[in-house]
Each structure stands twice: as C-alpha cells, then as structure tokens.
C-alpha cells in the first residue's frame, strides 16, 4: 500500500534519528493519510480517496468538486 496522497502527491521523506550520543540512523517521516469517502453531487456517486489531513482542510474550505477540478487541471492542489 503506497503512502501517497491522491490529491496533493505528498509522500514519505527520509531523515535521521539522532541519539543522545549524536549517532544518526535513517528513518522515514510518513504523511498523515486518511481513507475518506466523498460524495460528488455532479455525478451522484461516492468516491474513496487516500488524502492527507492538509488536503482535508482544503476540501473543507473549497469543496471536493473544486479540488478535483484543480488537480485535473494543474496536476496539484
């Protein structure tokens, strides 16, 4: 299962764990993704998207239709 947001394209990034002795080991920072169902009033159907919580805030502000149209038009939210 990929950890990529369907709308914004956010994905995992790599960084370091730093111990008290300043030893560094690799770790991953995963985005906060949620599976969410949205209703599209134009088509009358439900869609399920894996979106980040920042994308959810944008959807609450603009609406799902505007966000999907913007992603289809420009490629990003």
N, C-alpha and C. Protein backbone atom coordinates (compact mmCIF):
# COMPACT_ATOMS: atom_id res chain seq x y z
N UNK A 1 0.84 -1.17 0.00
CA UNK A 1 0.00 0.00 0.00
C UNK A 1 0.89 1.24 0.00
N UNK A 2 0.73 2.07 -1.01
CA UNK A 2 1.59 3.24 -1.12
C UNK A 2 1.12 4.33 -0.16
N UNK A 3 2.07 5.07 0.35
CA UNK A 3 1.77 6.17 1.28
C UNK A 3 1.87 7.49 0.53
N UNK A 4 0.99 7.68 -0.46
CA UNK A 4 0.99 8.90 -1.26
C UNK A 4 -0.42 9.47 -1.27
N UNK A 5 -0.55 10.77 -1.03
CA UNK A 5 -1.84 11.44 -1.06
C UNK A 5 -2.35 11.49 -2.50
N UNK A 6 -3.63 11.16 -2.70
CA UNK A 6 -4.21 11.15 -4.04
C UNK A 6 -4.36 12.55 -4.62
N UNK A 7 -4.51 13.56 -3.79
CA UNK A 7 -4.73 14.92 -4.29
C UNK A 7 -3.46 15.75 -4.32
N UNK A 8 -2.69 15.75 -3.24
CA UNK A 8 -1.52 16.64 -3.17
C UNK A 8 -0.24 15.96 -3.63
N UNK A 9 -0.21 14.63 -3.61
CA UNK A 9 1.00 13.92 -4.00
C UNK A 9 2.04 13.85 -2.89
N UNK A 10 1.66 14.22 -1.67
CA UNK A 10 2.60 14.12 -0.54
C UNK A 10 2.98 12.67 -0.33
N UNK A 11 4.27 12.44 -0.02
CA UNK A 11 4.74 11.08 0.22
C UNK A 11 5.78 11.09 1.33
N UNK A 12 6.28 9.91 1.67
CA UNK A 12 7.25 9.78 2.74
C UNK A 12 8.56 10.47 2.37
N UNK A 13 9.21 11.06 3.39
CA UNK A 13 10.54 11.61 3.19
C UNK A 13 11.49 10.95 4.18
N UNK A 14 12.78 11.06 3.92
CA UNK A 14 13.79 10.36 4.71
C UNK A 14 14.55 11.37 5.55
N UNK A 15 14.84 10.99 6.79
CA UNK A 15 15.62 11.82 7.69
C UNK A 15 16.45 10.94 8.61
N UNK A 16 16.91 11.53 9.69
CA UNK A 16 17.75 10.82 10.64
C UNK A 16 17.12 10.78 12.02
N UNK A 17 17.26 9.63 12.71
CA UNK A 17 17.08 9.56 14.15
C UNK A 17 18.42 9.98 14.75
N UNK A 18 18.40 10.87 15.70
CA UNK A 18 19.64 11.31 16.33
C UNK A 18 19.58 10.91 17.80
N UNK A 19 20.51 10.08 18.22
CA UNK A 19 20.53 9.61 19.59
C UNK A 19 21.23 10.63 20.48
N UNK A 20 21.24 10.35 21.77
CA UNK A 20 21.91 11.24 22.73
C UNK A 20 23.41 11.34 22.43
N UNK A 21 23.99 10.25 21.95
CA UNK A 21 25.41 10.26 21.61
C UNK A 21 25.66 10.83 20.22
N UNK A 22 24.62 11.38 19.60
CA UNK A 22 24.66 12.02 18.29
C UNK A 22 24.94 11.03 17.16
N UNK A 23 24.62 9.74 17.39
CA UNK A 23 24.68 8.74 16.34
C UNK A 23 23.45 8.91 15.46
N UNK A 24 23.61 8.79 14.17
CA UNK A 24 22.49 9.01 13.25
C UNK A 24 22.13 7.72 12.53
N UNK A 25 20.84 7.39 12.56
CA UNK A 25 20.33 6.25 11.80
C UNK A 25 19.16 6.73 10.97
N UNK A 26 18.96 6.11 9.83
CA UNK A 26 17.92 6.54 8.90
C UNK A 26 16.53 6.22 9.44
N UNK A 27 15.58 7.09 9.14
CA UNK A 27 14.18 6.87 9.47
C UNK A 27 13.33 7.51 8.41
N UNK A 28 12.03 7.21 8.43
CA UNK A 28 11.09 7.78 7.46
C UNK A 28 10.07 8.63 8.17
N UNK A 29 9.73 9.75 7.55
CA UNK A 29 8.65 10.59 8.01
C UNK A 29 7.47 10.36 7.07
N UNK A 30 6.43 9.70 7.57
CA UNK A 30 5.26 9.39 6.75
C UNK A 30 4.24 10.51 6.86
N UNK A 31 3.53 10.81 5.76
CA UNK A 31 2.47 11.81 5.83
C UNK A 31 1.27 11.26 6.59
N UNK A 32 0.47 12.16 7.13
CA UNK A 32 -0.72 11.77 7.87
C UNK A 32 -1.86 11.55 6.87
N UNK A 33 -2.02 10.30 6.42
CA UNK A 33 -3.01 9.97 5.40
C UNK A 33 -4.24 9.32 6.02
N UNK A 34 -5.40 9.65 5.46
CA UNK A 34 -6.67 9.11 5.91
C UNK A 34 -7.45 8.61 4.69
N UNK A 35 -8.09 7.46 4.84
CA UNK A 35 -9.02 6.98 3.81
C UNK A 35 -10.35 7.66 4.05
N UNK A 36 -10.89 8.31 3.03
CA UNK A 36 -12.10 9.11 3.22
C UNK A 36 -13.01 8.94 2.02
N UNK A 37 -14.30 8.83 2.28
CA UNK A 37 -15.30 8.75 1.21
C UNK A 37 -15.90 10.13 1.00
N UNK A 38 -16.02 10.53 -0.27
CA UNK A 38 -16.58 11.82 -0.63
C UNK A 38 -17.73 11.61 -1.60
N UNK A 39 -18.77 12.44 -1.48
CA UNK A 39 -19.91 12.38 -2.39
C UNK A 39 -19.75 13.47 -3.44
N UNK A 40 -19.82 13.07 -4.71
CA UNK A 40 -19.76 14.02 -5.81
C UNK A 40 -21.19 14.33 -6.26
N UNK A 41 -21.68 15.54 -5.99
CA UNK A 41 -23.07 15.84 -6.33
C UNK A 41 -23.33 15.91 -7.84
N UNK A 42 -22.30 16.24 -8.64
CA UNK A 42 -22.50 16.33 -10.09
C UNK A 42 -22.82 14.98 -10.71
N UNK A 43 -22.11 13.94 -10.24
CA UNK A 43 -22.31 12.61 -10.80
C UNK A 43 -23.23 11.76 -9.93
N UNK A 44 -23.42 12.16 -8.67
CA UNK A 44 -24.29 11.40 -7.77
C UNK A 44 -23.65 10.13 -7.26
N UNK A 45 -22.33 10.08 -7.20
CA UNK A 45 -21.65 8.86 -6.75
C UNK A 45 -20.66 9.18 -5.64
N UNK A 46 -20.27 8.13 -4.90
CA UNK A 46 -19.29 8.23 -3.83
C UNK A 46 -17.94 7.79 -4.36
N UNK A 47 -16.87 8.48 -3.95
CA UNK A 47 -15.52 8.05 -4.29
C UNK A 47 -14.71 7.95 -2.99
N UNK A 48 -13.76 7.03 -2.97
CA UNK A 48 -12.89 6.85 -1.82
C UNK A 48 -11.49 7.31 -2.22
N UNK A 49 -10.94 8.23 -1.43
CA UNK A 49 -9.61 8.77 -1.70
C UNK A 49 -8.75 8.62 -0.46
N UNK A 50 -7.45 8.45 -0.68
CA UNK A 50 -6.48 8.47 0.41
C UNK A 50 -5.87 9.87 0.39
N UNK A 51 -6.26 10.70 1.36
CA UNK A 51 -5.84 12.10 1.35
C UNK A 51 -5.12 12.45 2.65
N UNK A 52 -4.24 13.44 2.56
CA UNK A 52 -3.55 13.93 3.75
C UNK A 52 -4.50 14.84 4.52
N UNK A 53 -4.19 15.07 5.78
CA UNK A 53 -5.06 15.91 6.59
C UNK A 53 -5.03 17.36 6.13
N UNK A 54 -3.91 17.81 5.55
CA UNK A 54 -3.89 19.16 5.00
C UNK A 54 -4.79 19.27 3.78
N UNK A 55 -4.89 18.19 2.99
CA UNK A 55 -5.82 18.18 1.85
C UNK A 55 -7.27 18.17 2.33
N UNK A 56 -7.53 17.50 3.46
CA UNK A 56 -8.89 17.50 4.02
C UNK A 56 -9.31 18.92 4.41
N UNK A 57 -8.38 19.69 4.96
CA UNK A 57 -8.69 21.07 5.33
C UNK A 57 -9.01 21.90 4.08
N UNK A 58 -8.27 21.66 3.00
CA UNK A 58 -8.52 22.37 1.75
C UNK A 58 -9.87 21.97 1.16
N UNK A 59 -10.21 20.69 1.26
CA UNK A 59 -11.51 20.21 0.76
C UNK A 59 -12.64 20.83 1.56
N UNK A 60 -12.47 20.95 2.88
CA UNK A 60 -13.49 21.59 3.71
C UNK A 60 -13.67 23.05 3.34
N UNK A 61 -12.60 23.68 2.92
CA UNK A 61 -12.65 25.10 2.58
C UNK A 61 -13.25 25.34 1.18
N UNK A 62 -12.76 24.59 0.17
CA UNK A 62 -13.15 24.83 -1.22
C UNK A 62 -14.26 23.93 -1.72
N UNK A 63 -14.34 22.72 -1.20
CA UNK A 63 -15.28 21.73 -1.70
C UNK A 63 -14.56 20.68 -2.52
N UNK A 64 -15.10 19.47 -2.54
CA UNK A 64 -14.44 18.36 -3.23
C UNK A 64 -14.41 18.56 -4.73
N UNK A 65 -15.47 19.11 -5.31
CA UNK A 65 -15.52 19.29 -6.76
C UNK A 65 -14.46 20.27 -7.23
N UNK A 66 -14.31 21.38 -6.53
CA UNK A 66 -13.31 22.38 -6.91
C UNK A 66 -11.90 21.81 -6.78
N UNK A 67 -11.66 21.02 -5.75
CA UNK A 67 -10.33 20.44 -5.54
C UNK A 67 -9.99 19.43 -6.64
N UNK A 68 -10.94 18.58 -6.98
CA UNK A 68 -10.69 17.59 -8.03
C UNK A 68 -10.48 18.27 -9.37
N UNK A 69 -11.28 19.30 -9.67
CA UNK A 69 -11.10 20.03 -10.93
C UNK A 69 -9.73 20.69 -10.98
N UNK A 70 -9.26 21.24 -9.87
CA UNK A 70 -7.96 21.89 -9.83
C UNK A 70 -6.84 20.87 -10.02
N UNK A 71 -6.96 19.68 -9.44
CA UNK A 71 -5.95 18.65 -9.60
C UNK A 71 -5.92 18.17 -11.05
N UNK A 72 -7.07 17.99 -11.65
CA UNK A 72 -7.11 17.56 -13.04
C UNK A 72 -6.54 18.62 -13.98
N UNK A 73 -6.74 19.89 -13.64
CA UNK A 73 -6.30 20.99 -14.50
C UNK A 73 -4.81 21.28 -14.35
N UNK A 74 -4.33 21.39 -13.10
CA UNK A 74 -2.94 21.79 -12.88
C UNK A 74 -2.03 20.65 -12.45
N UNK A 75 -2.59 19.55 -11.97
CA UNK A 75 -1.77 18.43 -11.51
C UNK A 75 -1.43 18.45 -10.05
N UNK A 76 -1.79 19.55 -9.35
CA UNK A 76 -1.55 19.61 -7.91
C UNK A 76 -2.63 20.48 -7.25
N UNK A 77 -2.75 20.35 -5.95
CA UNK A 77 -3.79 21.05 -5.20
C UNK A 77 -3.33 22.41 -4.78
